[in-house]
Protein backbone atom coordinates (compact mmCIF):
# COMPACT_ATOMS: atom_id res chain seq x y z
CA MET A 1 62.71 132.66 117.48
CA ARG A 2 64.72 130.81 120.32
CA ILE A 3 63.70 127.30 118.88
CA ILE A 4 65.65 128.03 114.98
CA PRO A 5 69.04 128.44 116.75
CA LEU A 6 68.49 125.28 118.61
CA ILE A 7 67.78 123.38 115.97
CA LEU A 8 70.39 124.16 113.80
CA LEU A 9 73.16 123.34 117.15
CA PHE A 10 70.71 120.05 117.21
CA ILE A 11 71.45 119.20 113.51
CA ALA A 12 75.22 120.47 113.34
CA PHE A 13 76.12 118.51 116.25
CA PHE A 14 74.39 114.87 115.67
CA SER A 15 74.66 114.86 112.26
CA PRO A 16 78.70 113.82 111.68
CA TYR A 17 77.55 111.34 114.00
CA HIS A 18 74.48 110.07 112.37
CA THR A 19 77.07 109.82 109.01
CA LEU A 20 79.47 107.78 111.28
CA LEU A 21 77.07 105.39 112.72
CA SER A 22 75.33 104.72 108.91
CA ALA A 23 79.03 104.67 107.13
CA GLN A 24 80.63 101.25 106.10
CA SER A 25 83.24 99.98 108.46
CA ILE A 26 86.26 99.24 106.11
CA TYR A 27 87.64 97.05 109.29
CA PRO A 28 87.03 93.69 109.44
CA ASP A 29 84.88 92.57 112.54
CA HIS A 30 87.82 91.21 114.46
CA VAL A 31 91.39 91.46 114.63
CA GLY A 32 93.00 88.96 111.95
CA ASP A 33 90.13 88.29 109.87
CA ILE A 34 90.57 87.35 106.52
CA THR A 35 88.03 89.00 103.78
CA PRO A 36 87.42 87.38 100.68
CA ASP A 37 89.10 88.34 97.61
CA PRO A 38 87.90 87.26 94.34
CA ALA A 39 91.28 88.03 92.84
CA VAL A 40 93.25 85.13 94.79
CA ASP A 41 90.65 83.44 96.43
CA ASP A 42 89.08 79.98 94.92
CA PRO A 43 85.85 80.84 93.96
CA ALA A 44 84.80 77.44 94.87
CA PHE A 45 85.84 77.69 98.67
CA ARG A 46 82.74 78.11 100.26
CA THR A 47 82.41 78.33 104.86
CA CYS A 48 79.79 76.99 106.34
CA ARG A 49 79.11 80.57 108.06
CA ALA A 50 78.72 84.09 106.80
CA ASN A 51 80.86 85.15 109.73
CA GLY A 52 82.02 84.73 113.48
CA ILE A 53 84.56 82.00 112.44
CA PRO A 54 86.65 81.55 114.93
CA GLN A 55 90.61 80.74 115.80
CA TYR A 56 92.20 77.20 115.57
CA TYR A 57 92.89 77.01 119.31
CA SER A 58 88.89 78.00 120.85
CA ILE A 59 87.34 75.31 119.47
CA GLU A 60 88.09 71.46 118.70
CA SER A 61 90.40 71.77 115.28
CA GLY A 62 93.61 69.68 114.21
CA PHE A 63 95.28 68.07 111.39
CA GLU A 64 95.40 63.80 110.94
CA GLY A 65 98.50 62.77 112.58
CA GLU A 66 98.72 65.87 114.52
CA LYS A 67 102.07 67.90 114.15
CA PRO A 68 104.37 64.68 113.54
CA ALA A 69 102.36 64.53 109.85
CA LEU A 70 102.29 67.91 109.12
CA LEU A 71 106.28 67.54 110.16
CA ARG A 72 106.75 64.31 107.70
CA TYR A 73 104.70 66.21 104.68
CA PHE A 74 106.67 69.03 104.66
CA ALA A 75 110.12 67.28 105.26
CA GLN A 76 109.49 65.16 102.06
CA ASN A 77 107.77 68.09 99.81
CA TYR A 78 109.80 71.55 100.34
CA GLN A 79 112.40 71.39 97.63
CA LYS A 80 115.03 74.04 98.97
CA LYS A 81 116.28 75.80 95.70
CA PRO A 82 120.86 76.67 95.95
CA ASP A 83 119.91 80.62 95.97
CA TRP A 84 117.60 80.14 98.93
CA SER A 85 120.45 79.13 101.08
CA GLY A 86 120.93 83.12 102.28
CA GLU A 87 117.61 83.50 103.44
CA ASN A 88 116.24 83.91 107.06
CA GLY A 89 113.38 85.26 108.99
CA TYR A 90 109.50 84.14 108.78
CA ILE A 91 106.66 82.64 106.63
CA THR A 92 103.29 82.44 107.61
CA VAL A 93 100.25 81.45 105.93
CA ARG A 94 97.17 81.90 107.22
CA PHE A 95 94.10 80.46 106.01
CA VAL A 96 90.41 79.43 106.76
CA VAL A 97 89.46 75.87 107.33
CA ASN A 98 85.39 75.18 106.89
CA CYS A 99 83.80 72.73 108.58
CA ASN A 100 84.10 70.08 106.26
CA GLY A 101 87.96 70.35 106.42
CA GLN A 102 88.21 72.21 102.84
CA THR A 103 90.78 75.03 103.21
CA GLY A 104 90.93 78.21 101.29
CA ARG A 105 91.38 82.46 102.10
CA PHE A 106 95.09 81.92 101.88
CA ARG A 107 97.31 84.57 102.85
CA VAL A 108 100.98 85.01 103.29
CA LEU A 109 102.93 87.58 105.75
CA GLU A 110 107.46 87.38 105.38
CA MET A 111 109.35 89.04 108.54
CA ASP A 112 112.76 88.82 108.61
CA MET A 113 114.31 87.56 112.30
CA ASP A 114 113.61 90.63 114.14
CA TYR A 115 110.02 90.52 113.06
CA ARG A 116 110.44 93.25 110.71
CA PRO A 117 108.91 93.22 107.00
CA LYS A 118 110.85 91.18 104.67
CA THR A 119 110.38 90.05 101.12
CA PHE A 120 111.63 86.47 100.33
CA PRO A 121 112.49 85.40 96.97
CA LYS A 122 109.04 84.88 95.07
CA ALA A 123 109.62 81.34 94.54
CA MET A 124 110.04 80.52 97.81
CA SER A 125 106.95 81.67 99.23
CA ALA A 126 104.93 80.36 96.09
CA HIS A 127 106.25 76.81 97.29
CA LEU A 128 105.30 76.98 100.77
CA LEU A 129 101.66 78.38 99.78
CA GLN A 130 101.50 75.68 97.25
CA LEU A 131 102.23 73.47 99.73
CA CYS A 132 99.83 74.45 101.92
CA GLN A 133 97.45 74.36 99.71
CA SER A 134 98.09 71.02 98.64
CA LEU A 135 97.50 70.06 102.37
CA ASN A 136 95.02 67.61 103.08
CA GLY A 137 93.87 66.35 106.43
CA TRP A 138 91.88 69.30 107.82
CA LYS A 139 89.54 68.72 110.73
CA GLY A 140 86.63 70.32 110.28
CA GLY A 141 86.43 72.60 113.54
CA GLN A 142 83.61 71.38 116.18
CA SER A 143 82.39 72.84 119.56
CA GLU A 144 79.75 71.71 121.64
CA GLY A 145 78.43 69.06 118.50
CA ILE A 146 78.22 72.81 116.38
CA PRO A 147 80.19 72.18 113.44
CA TYR A 148 82.39 75.10 112.93
CA ASP A 149 85.10 76.89 110.20
CA TYR A 150 88.25 78.37 111.41
CA TYR A 151 91.58 80.22 111.37
CA GLN A 152 94.35 78.17 111.11
CA TYR A 153 97.90 79.46 110.63
CA LEU A 154 101.72 78.02 109.77
CA THR A 155 104.14 79.58 110.55
CA PHE A 156 107.89 78.07 108.84
CA THR A 157 111.35 79.11 110.41
CA ILE A 158 113.64 79.80 108.06
CA GLN A 159 117.67 79.14 108.23
CA SER A 160 120.14 79.37 105.42
CA GLY A 161 116.99 78.67 103.71
CA ASP A 162 115.98 75.44 105.35
CA ILE A 163 112.63 75.04 107.20
CA VAL A 164 113.93 74.60 110.54
CA ARG A 165 110.66 74.93 112.62
CA ILE A 166 106.95 74.84 111.63
CA MET A 167 104.75 76.61 114.53
CA PRO A 168 101.65 75.95 115.63
């Protein structure tokens, strides 16, 4: 008779723990992972690895022509509209570069100059996103001779509607 309360106690104590262990997490494996979204992502884009995509700075990666080529591309292709002249803040475009140098899974984050969420004119964000999506020249990642996909971002500092800096 003493064993029945112990069994019930054992079941009551470990049952929620088992449920937590078997439940699928709603969070990505790593902070900053971009989960594929069929509603917005190009279905033709493929990564070379199923998971474990590192950040750009932890492997050999980059853009052909480096930062000067990026600056030149945006200087030549960014077309400011007159109604954007009052806009200030940051627009960050994050994406994945696969091991072949192809890009996909683009996401946009907008902030004001105090790093608070902000909504820029839709046409402005769409224009920068389109320019990033059209940008060719990303190098596939590599570490110790092994090809890698990687996460990349471009943060545009916007002042009076102009791009005044691109990071990193």
